[in-house]
C-alpha atoms as a PDB file:
ATOM      1  CA  UNK A   1     -20.345  11.694-107.379  1.00  0.00           C
ATOM      2  CA  UNK A   2     -19.636   8.898-109.775  1.00  0.00           C
ATOM      3  CA  UNK A   3     -16.089   8.416-108.384  1.00  0.00           C
ATOM      4  CA  UNK A   4     -17.435   8.068-104.817  1.00  0.00           C
ATOM      5  CA  UNK A   5     -19.937   5.460-106.114  1.00  0.00           C
ATOM      6  CA  UNK A   6     -17.141   3.493-107.848  1.00  0.00           C
ATOM      7  CA  UNK A   7     -15.007   3.784-104.639  1.00  0.00           C
ATOM      8  CA  UNK A   8     -17.933   2.323-102.562  1.00  0.00           C
ATOM      9  CA  UNK A   9     -18.418  -0.585-104.999  1.00  0.00           C
ATOM     10  CA  UNK A  10     -14.696  -1.320-105.203  1.00  0.00           C
ATOM     11  CA  UNK A  11     -14.409  -1.249-101.401  1.00  0.00           C
ATOM     12  CA  UNK A  12     -17.511  -3.661-101.022  1.00  0.00           C
ATOM     13  CA  UNK A  13     -15.900  -6.014-103.616  1.00  0.00           C
ATOM     14  CA  UNK A  14     -12.603  -5.912-101.937  1.00  0.00           C
ATOM     15  CA  UNK A  15     -14.248  -6.727 -98.503  1.00  0.00           C
ATOM     16  CA  UNK A  16     -16.077  -9.706-100.062  1.00  0.00           C
ATOM     17  CA  UNK A  17     -12.930 -10.963-101.666  1.00  0.00           C
ATOM     18  CA  UNK A  18     -11.038 -10.708 -98.245  1.00  0.00           C
ATOM     19  CA  UNK A  19     -13.968 -12.633 -96.480  1.00  0.00           C
ATOM     20  CA  UNK A  20     -13.971 -15.346 -99.133  1.00  0.00           C
ATOM     21  CA  UNK A  21     -10.228 -15.840 -98.902  1.00  0.00           C
ATOM     22  CA  UNK A  22     -10.688 -16.122 -94.950  1.00  0.00           C
ATOM     23  CA  UNK A  23     -13.343 -18.789 -95.624  1.00  0.00           C
ATOM     24  CA  UNK A  24     -10.850 -20.583 -97.890  1.00  0.00           C
ATOM     25  CA  UNK A  25      -8.194 -20.565 -95.264  1.00  0.00           C
ATOM     26  CA  UNK A  26     -10.799 -22.000 -92.588  1.00  0.00           C
ATOM     27  CA  UNK A  27     -11.613 -24.733 -95.186  1.00  0.00           C
ATOM     28  CA  UNK A  28      -8.014 -25.606 -95.805  1.00  0.00           C
ATOM     29  CA  UNK A  29      -7.764 -25.950 -91.981  1.00  0.00           C
ATOM     30  CA  UNK A  30     -10.575 -28.375 -92.013  1.00  0.00           C
ATOM     31  CA  UNK A  31      -9.455 -30.147 -95.210  1.00  0.00           C
ATOM     32  CA  UNK A  32     -12.887 -29.102 -96.872  1.00  0.00           C
ATOM     33  CA  UNK A  33     -11.785 -28.549-100.509  1.00  0.00           C
ATOM     34  CA  UNK A  34     -15.208 -28.838-101.860  1.00  0.00           C
ATOM     35  CA  UNK A  35     -16.440 -25.570-100.199  1.00  0.00           C
ATOM     36  CA  UNK A  36     -13.392 -23.789-101.703  1.00  0.00           C
ATOM     37  CA  UNK A  37     -14.232 -25.072-105.273  1.00  0.00           C
ATOM     38  CA  UNK A  38     -17.800 -24.087-104.821  1.00  0.00           C
ATOM     39  CA  UNK A  39     -16.793 -20.551-103.907  1.00  0.00           C
ATOM     40  CA  UNK A  40     -14.393 -20.192-106.761  1.00  0.00           C
ATOM     41  CA  UNK A  41     -16.805 -18.839-109.267  1.00  0.00           C
ATOM     42  CA  UNK A  42     -17.930 -16.136-106.729  1.00  0.00           C
ATOM     43  CA  UNK A  43     -14.475 -15.189-105.946  1.00  0.00           C
ATOM     44  CA  UNK A  44     -13.541 -14.923-109.689  1.00  0.00           C
ATOM     45  CA  UNK A  45     -16.729 -12.767-110.255  1.00  0.00           C
ATOM     46  CA  UNK A  46     -15.842 -10.505-107.317  1.00  0.00           C
ATOM     47  CA  UNK A  47     -12.283 -10.182-108.615  1.00  0.00           C
ATOM     48  CA  UNK A  48     -13.512  -9.230-112.037  1.00  0.00           C
ATOM     49  CA  UNK A  49     -16.073  -6.776-110.616  1.00  0.00           C
ATOM     50  CA  UNK A  50     -13.307  -5.198-108.535  1.00  0.00           C
ATOM     51  CA  UNK A  51     -10.953  -4.690-111.412  1.00  0.00           C
ATOM     52  CA  UNK A  52     -13.684  -3.168-113.497  1.00  0.00           C
ATOM     53  CA  UNK A  53     -14.559  -0.770-110.764  1.00  0.00           C
ATOM     54  CA  UNK A  54     -10.854  -0.044-110.163  1.00  0.00           C
ATOM     55  CA  UNK A  55     -10.736   0.878-113.978  1.00  0.00           C
ATOM     56  CA  UNK A  56     -13.580   3.213-113.664  1.00  0.00           C
ATOM     57  CA  UNK A  57     -11.987   4.888-110.702  1.00  0.00           C
ATOM     58  CA  UNK A  58      -8.628   5.459-112.671  1.00  0.00           C
ATOM     59  CA  UNK A  59     -10.760   6.851-115.647  1.00  0.00           C
ATOM     60  CA  UNK A  60     -12.600   9.227-113.373  1.00  0.00           C
ATOM     61  CA  UNK A  61      -9.523  10.400-111.660  1.00  0.00           C
ATOM     62  CA  UNK A  62      -7.708  10.761-114.979  1.00  0.00           C
ATOM     63  CA  UNK A  63     -10.689  12.748-116.504  1.00  0.00           C
ATOM     64  CA  UNK A  64     -10.699  15.096-113.553  1.00  0.00           C
ATOM     65  CA  UNK A  65      -6.892  15.687-114.017  1.00  0.00           C
ATOM     66  CA  UNK A  66      -7.078  16.329-117.693  1.00  0.00           C
ATOM     67  CA  UNK A  67     -10.162  18.803-117.084  1.00  0.00           C
ATOM     68  CA  UNK A  68      -8.214  20.593-114.488  1.00  0.00           C
ATOM     69  CA  UNK A  69      -4.574  20.509-115.509  1.00  0.00           C
ATOM     70  CA  UNK A  70      -3.514  23.419-113.186  1.00  0.00           C
ATOM     71  CA  UNK A  71      -4.618  21.538-110.124  1.00  0.00           C
ATOM     72  CA  UNK A  72      -2.892  18.719-108.170  1.00  0.00           C
ATOM     73  CA  UNK A  73      -4.831  15.483-107.530  1.00  0.00           C
ATOM     74  CA  UNK A  74      -5.510  16.126-103.777  1.00  0.00           C
ATOM     75  CA  UNK A  75      -7.395  19.255-104.777  1.00  0.00           C
ATOM     76  CA  UNK A  76      -9.582  17.455-107.169  1.00  0.00           C
ATOM     77  CA  UNK A  77     -11.059  15.055-104.530  1.00  0.00           C
ATOM     78  CA  UNK A  78     -13.216  15.832-101.667  1.00  0.00           C
ATOM     79  CA  UNK A  79     -12.712  14.683 -98.053  1.00  0.00           C
ATOM     80  CA  UNK A  80     -14.988  11.635 -98.418  1.00  0.00           C
ATOM     81  CA  UNK A  81     -13.072  10.521-101.576  1.00  0.00           C
ATOM     82  CA  UNK A  82      -9.744  10.912 -99.795  1.00  0.00           C
ATOM     83  CA  UNK A  83     -11.030   8.858 -96.930  1.00  0.00           C
ATOM     84  CA  UNK A  84     -12.289   6.046 -99.369  1.00  0.00           C
ATOM     85  CA  UNK A  85      -9.107   5.942-101.216  1.00  0.00           C
ATOM     86  CA  UNK A  86      -7.210   5.582 -97.890  1.00  0.00           C
ATOM     87  CA  UNK A  87      -9.532   2.799 -96.942  1.00  0.00           C
ATOM     88  CA  UNK A  88      -9.072   1.224-100.267  1.00  0.00           C
ATOM     89  CA  UNK A  89      -5.284   1.310 -99.718  1.00  0.00           C
ATOM     90  CA  UNK A  90      -5.736  -0.262 -96.311  1.00  0.00           C
ATOM     91  CA  UNK A  91      -8.017  -2.931 -97.682  1.00  0.00           C
ATOM     92  CA  UNK A  92      -5.710  -3.856-100.419  1.00  0.00           C
ATOM     93  CA  UNK A  93      -2.890  -4.246 -97.914  1.00  0.00           C
ATOM     94  CA  UNK A  94      -5.229  -6.599 -95.835  1.00  0.00           C
ATOM     95  CA  UNK A  95      -5.880  -8.557 -99.001  1.00  0.00           C
ATOM     96  CA  UNK A  96      -2.108  -8.763 -99.710  1.00  0.00           C
ATOM     97  CA  UNK A  97      -1.515 -10.104 -96.307  1.00  0.00           C
ATOM     98  CA  UNK A  98      -4.434 -12.649 -96.182  1.00  0.00           C
ATOM     99  CA  UNK A  99      -3.380 -13.831 -99.697  1.00  0.00           C
ATOM    100  CA  UNK A 100       0.262 -14.467 -98.535  1.00  0.00           C
ATOM    101  CA  UNK A 101      -1.107 -16.471 -95.644  1.00  0.00           C
ATOM    102  CA  UNK A 102      -3.437 -18.446 -98.047  1.00  0.00           C
ATOM    103  CA  UNK A 103      -0.642 -19.137-100.460  1.00  0.00           C
ATOM    104  CA  UNK A 104       1.624 -20.492 -97.632  1.00  0.00           C
ATOM    105  CA  UNK A 105      -1.078 -22.780 -96.545  1.00  0.00           C
ATOM    106  CA  UNK A 106      -1.843 -24.007-100.233  1.00  0.00           C
ATOM    107  CA  UNK A 107       1.932 -24.537-100.733  1.00  0.00           C
ATOM    108  CA  UNK A 108       2.064 -26.564 -97.624  1.00  0.00           C
ATOM    109  CA  UNK A 109      -0.910 -28.634 -98.446  1.00  0.00           C
ATOM    110  CA  UNK A 110       0.381 -29.323-102.022  1.00  0.00           C
ATOM    111  CA  UNK A 111       3.788 -30.264-100.668  1.00  0.00           C
ATOM    112  CA  UNK A 112       2.310 -32.697 -98.239  1.00  0.00           C
ATOM    113  CA  UNK A 113       0.006 -34.214-100.871  1.00  0.00           C
ATOM    114  CA  UNK A 114       2.997 -34.578-103.241  1.00  0.00           C
ATOM    115  CA  UNK A 115       5.062 -36.362-100.594  1.00  0.00           C
ATOM    116  CA  UNK A 116       2.152 -38.746 -99.827  1.00  0.00           C
ATOM    117  CA  UNK A 117       1.723 -39.399-103.638  1.00  0.00           C
ATOM    118  CA  UNK A 118       5.431 -40.127-104.011  1.00  0.00           C
ATOM    119  CA  UNK A 119       5.211 -42.626-101.091  1.00  0.00           C
ATOM    120  CA  UNK A 120       2.186 -44.347-102.612  1.00  0.00           C
ATOM    121  CA  UNK A 121       3.378 -44.253-106.306  1.00  0.00           C
ATOM    122  CA  UNK A 122       7.188 -43.671-106.443  1.00  0.00           C
ATOM    123  CA  UNK A 123       8.360 -41.835-109.455  1.00  0.00           C
ATOM    124  CA  UNK A 124      11.737 -41.698-111.403  1.00  0.00           C
ATOM    125  CA  UNK A 125      13.145 -39.234-113.797  1.00  0.00           C
ATOM    126  CA  UNK A 126      12.618 -39.910-117.481  1.00  0.00           C
ATOM    127  CA  UNK A 127      14.458 -37.091-119.117  1.00  0.00           C
ATOM    128  CA  UNK A 128      13.087 -33.984-117.671  1.00  0.00           C
ATOM    129  CA  UNK A 129       9.684 -35.651-116.609  1.00  0.00           C
ATOM    130  CA  UNK A 130       8.733 -37.490-113.551  1.00  0.00           C
ATOM    131  CA  UNK A 131       7.160 -40.923-114.462  1.00  0.00           C
ATOM    132  CA  UNK A 132       5.698 -43.680-112.306  1.00  0.00           C
ATOM    133  CA  UNK A 133       8.328 -46.199-111.449  1.00  0.00           C
ATOM    134  CA  UNK A 134       8.585 -49.198-113.845  1.00  0.00           C
ATOM    135  CA  UNK A 135       9.284 -51.456-110.816  1.00  0.00           C
ATOM    136  CA  UNK A 136       6.824 -54.385-111.173  1.00  0.00           C
ATOM    137  CA  UNK A 137       6.596 -54.688-107.376  1.00  0.00           C
ATOM    138  CA  UNK A 138       5.228 -51.105-107.120  1.00  0.00           C
ATOM    139  CA  UNK A 139       1.769 -52.112-106.373  1.00  0.00           C
ATOM    140  CA  UNK A 140       0.762 -55.625-105.707  1.00  0.00           C
ATOM    141  CA  UNK A 141      -2.732 -56.746-106.019  1.00  0.00           C
ATOM    142  CA  UNK A 142      -3.916 -59.872-104.144  1.00  0.00           C
ATOM    143  CA  UNK A 143      -7.012 -61.610-104.593  1.00  0.00           C
END
């Protein structure tokens, strides 16, 4: 049951990605960026592993369909495989929702950071680019 094996692996990778993203959200709340950056290679590795397993799942299903052109897909899978595909769909929806939450938080933090930066180092438009203001009183150093 190669398909079942790939489904199990994809589900495990997906659950790991969801958990890492949850940890990222908690670290954003605590302003702990270093932990997020440390997890980034692991998250990228899990995403690549999931994508590889998903490609293998697609290949196995396509192979079954080409070997049995007279049957519909539901007939080519056993009950366990159907259940795992349903769980995969559910977990993908969970990942989508948690990624949306994560993206909103990242955008909020980025906007806040940019507003602080603009207050500290005002910028002006120079053509299409924003550059630091040329105002000599921008930063005053006193000794």
